């Protein structure tokens, strides 16, 4: 696997045609606070479902 260089425009070519929601998801999924809260929520959920409060807090909606 080639090393990713965040400063290189070549590293972002795949994002040229990305939707804004795709870019937003990439940013959110890398957010340490989001990751931590998601893991806690899932661990405390009897059925592993995402809560409405979590969705509202992070401004997201999950596809069924």
N, C-alpha and C. Protein backbone atom coordinates (compact mmCIF):
# COMPACT_ATOMS: atom_id res chain seq x y z
N UNK A 1 0.85 -1.18 0.00
CA UNK A 1 0.00 0.00 0.00
C UNK A 1 0.89 1.24 0.00
N UNK A 2 0.63 2.16 -0.93
CA UNK A 2 1.45 3.37 -0.97
C UNK A 2 1.17 4.26 0.24
N UNK A 3 2.19 5.00 0.63
CA UNK A 3 2.04 5.91 1.77
C UNK A 3 1.17 7.09 1.36
N UNK A 4 0.24 7.45 2.24
CA UNK A 4 -0.66 8.57 1.98
C UNK A 4 0.02 9.88 2.37
N UNK A 5 0.05 10.81 1.46
CA UNK A 5 0.63 12.13 1.72
C UNK A 5 -0.49 13.16 1.67
N UNK A 6 -0.94 13.62 2.83
CA UNK A 6 -2.08 14.54 2.89
C UNK A 6 -1.81 15.86 2.18
N UNK A 7 -0.56 16.16 1.92
CA UNK A 7 -0.22 17.42 1.25
C UNK A 7 -0.23 17.30 -0.27
N UNK A 8 -0.29 16.09 -0.77
CA UNK A 8 -0.21 15.86 -2.20
C UNK A 8 -1.60 15.89 -2.86
N UNK A 9 -1.78 16.72 -3.87
CA UNK A 9 -3.07 16.72 -4.58
C UNK A 9 -3.41 15.35 -5.17
N UNK A 10 -2.40 14.58 -5.51
CA UNK A 10 -2.63 13.24 -6.06
C UNK A 10 -3.36 12.34 -5.07
N UNK A 11 -3.15 12.56 -3.80
CA UNK A 11 -3.78 11.73 -2.78
C UNK A 11 -5.29 11.95 -2.71
N UNK A 12 -5.76 13.04 -3.27
CA UNK A 12 -7.17 13.39 -3.17
C UNK A 12 -7.92 13.30 -4.49
N UNK A 13 -7.30 12.74 -5.50
CA UNK A 13 -7.95 12.62 -6.81
C UNK A 13 -9.27 11.87 -6.73
N UNK A 14 -9.34 10.86 -5.86
CA UNK A 14 -10.57 10.07 -5.76
C UNK A 14 -11.73 10.89 -5.20
N UNK A 15 -11.44 12.02 -4.59
CA UNK A 15 -12.48 12.86 -4.01
C UNK A 15 -13.02 13.92 -4.98
N UNK A 16 -12.44 13.99 -6.15
CA UNK A 16 -12.87 15.01 -7.10
C UNK A 16 -14.36 14.93 -7.41
N UNK A 17 -14.88 13.72 -7.52
CA UNK A 17 -16.28 13.54 -7.86
C UNK A 17 -17.13 13.16 -6.66
N UNK A 18 -16.59 13.28 -5.47
CA UNK A 18 -17.31 12.90 -4.26
C UNK A 18 -18.42 13.91 -3.97
N UNK A 19 -19.51 13.39 -3.42
CA UNK A 19 -20.60 14.24 -2.95
C UNK A 19 -20.17 14.88 -1.63
N UNK A 20 -20.80 15.99 -1.29
CA UNK A 20 -20.46 16.67 -0.04
C UNK A 20 -20.73 15.75 1.15
N UNK A 21 -21.75 14.91 1.06
CA UNK A 21 -22.05 13.98 2.15
C UNK A 21 -20.95 12.95 2.33
N UNK A 22 -20.31 12.55 1.24
CA UNK A 22 -19.19 11.60 1.33
C UNK A 22 -18.01 12.23 2.07
N UNK A 23 -17.74 13.47 1.77
CA UNK A 23 -16.63 14.17 2.42
C UNK A 23 -16.96 14.41 3.89
N UNK A 24 -18.21 14.79 4.17
CA UNK A 24 -18.63 15.00 5.56
C UNK A 24 -18.48 13.71 6.36
N UNK A 25 -18.88 12.58 5.77
CA UNK A 25 -18.77 11.30 6.47
C UNK A 25 -17.30 10.96 6.75
N UNK A 26 -16.43 11.22 5.80
CA UNK A 26 -15.01 10.95 6.01
C UNK A 26 -14.47 11.75 7.18
N UNK A 27 -14.88 12.99 7.29
CA UNK A 27 -14.43 13.83 8.41
C UNK A 27 -15.01 13.32 9.73
N UNK A 28 -16.30 13.02 9.73
CA UNK A 28 -16.96 12.58 10.96
C UNK A 28 -16.41 11.26 11.45
N UNK A 29 -16.24 10.30 10.57
CA UNK A 29 -15.80 8.97 11.01
C UNK A 29 -14.37 8.98 11.58
N UNK A 30 -13.62 10.02 11.29
CA UNK A 30 -12.26 10.15 11.83
C UNK A 30 -12.23 10.94 13.14
N UNK A 31 -13.36 11.48 13.54
CA UNK A 31 -13.47 12.29 14.75
C UNK A 31 -13.42 11.38 15.98
N UNK A 32 -12.44 11.57 16.82
CA UNK A 32 -12.23 10.71 17.99
C UNK A 32 -13.41 10.77 18.96
N UNK A 33 -13.99 11.94 19.15
CA UNK A 33 -15.15 12.07 20.04
C UNK A 33 -16.34 11.28 19.50
N UNK A 34 -16.57 11.38 18.19
CA UNK A 34 -17.65 10.62 17.55
C UNK A 34 -17.41 9.13 17.73
N UNK A 35 -16.21 8.67 17.46
CA UNK A 35 -15.88 7.25 17.59
C UNK A 35 -16.14 6.75 18.99
N UNK A 36 -15.70 7.51 19.97
CA UNK A 36 -15.86 7.12 21.37
C UNK A 36 -17.35 7.05 21.75
N UNK A 37 -18.10 8.08 21.40
CA UNK A 37 -19.52 8.10 21.73
C UNK A 37 -20.30 6.99 21.02
N UNK A 38 -19.92 6.71 19.79
CA UNK A 38 -20.58 5.64 19.04
C UNK A 38 -20.33 4.30 19.73
N UNK A 39 -19.10 4.03 20.09
CA UNK A 39 -18.77 2.77 20.75
C UNK A 39 -19.52 2.61 22.07
N UNK A 40 -19.60 3.68 22.86
CA UNK A 40 -20.31 3.63 24.14
C UNK A 40 -21.80 3.39 23.90
N UNK A 41 -22.37 4.10 22.93
CA UNK A 41 -23.79 3.95 22.64
C UNK A 41 -24.11 2.52 22.22
N UNK A 42 -23.33 1.97 21.31
CA UNK A 42 -23.57 0.60 20.83
C UNK A 42 -23.39 -0.40 21.96
N UNK A 43 -22.38 -0.21 22.79
CA UNK A 43 -22.13 -1.13 23.90
C UNK A 43 -23.28 -1.11 24.91
N UNK A 44 -23.94 0.03 25.05
CA UNK A 44 -25.04 0.16 26.01
C UNK A 44 -26.41 -0.12 25.40
N UNK A 45 -26.44 -0.39 24.12
CA UNK A 45 -27.71 -0.65 23.43
C UNK A 45 -28.01 -2.14 23.43
N UNK A 46 -29.23 -2.48 23.83
CA UNK A 46 -29.63 -3.89 23.87
C UNK A 46 -29.67 -4.50 22.47
N UNK A 47 -30.03 -3.71 21.47
CA UNK A 47 -30.17 -4.24 20.11
C UNK A 47 -29.18 -3.64 19.11
N UNK A 48 -28.23 -2.85 19.59
CA UNK A 48 -27.20 -2.29 18.72
C UNK A 48 -27.69 -1.20 17.79
N UNK A 49 -28.82 -0.57 18.13
CA UNK A 49 -29.35 0.49 17.27
C UNK A 49 -28.81 1.86 17.67
N UNK A 50 -28.74 2.72 16.68
CA UNK A 50 -28.30 4.10 16.88
C UNK A 50 -29.49 4.91 17.38
N UNK A 51 -29.30 5.69 18.42
CA UNK A 51 -30.40 6.45 19.00
C UNK A 51 -30.66 7.74 18.22
N UNK A 52 -31.89 8.24 18.34
CA UNK A 52 -32.23 9.51 17.70
C UNK A 52 -31.41 10.66 18.28
N UNK A 53 -31.17 10.61 19.58
CA UNK A 53 -30.37 11.66 20.21
C UNK A 53 -28.96 11.70 19.63
N UNK A 54 -28.38 10.54 19.39
CA UNK A 54 -27.04 10.46 18.80
C UNK A 54 -27.07 11.04 17.39
N UNK A 55 -28.07 10.66 16.61
CA UNK A 55 -28.20 11.19 15.24
C UNK A 55 -28.31 12.70 15.24
N UNK A 56 -29.16 13.23 16.12
CA UNK A 56 -29.34 14.68 16.18
C UNK A 56 -28.05 15.39 16.60
N UNK A 57 -27.39 14.84 17.61
CA UNK A 57 -26.16 15.47 18.11
C UNK A 57 -25.10 15.60 17.01
N UNK A 58 -24.94 14.53 16.23
CA UNK A 58 -23.89 14.52 15.22
C UNK A 58 -24.39 14.94 13.83
N UNK A 59 -25.69 15.23 13.71
CA UNK A 59 -26.24 15.72 12.44
C UNK A 59 -26.19 14.69 11.33
N UNK A 60 -26.50 13.45 11.67
CA UNK A 60 -26.41 12.38 10.69
C UNK A 60 -27.72 11.60 10.60
N UNK A 61 -27.86 10.88 9.51
CA UNK A 61 -28.94 9.90 9.40
C UNK A 61 -28.33 8.68 8.74
N UNK A 62 -28.73 7.52 9.25
CA UNK A 62 -28.20 6.28 8.72
C UNK A 62 -29.20 5.67 7.75
N UNK A 63 -28.70 5.18 6.66
CA UNK A 63 -29.58 4.50 5.71
C UNK A 63 -29.98 3.16 6.28
N UNK A 64 -31.22 2.75 5.99
CA UNK A 64 -31.66 1.44 6.52
C UNK A 64 -30.86 0.30 5.92
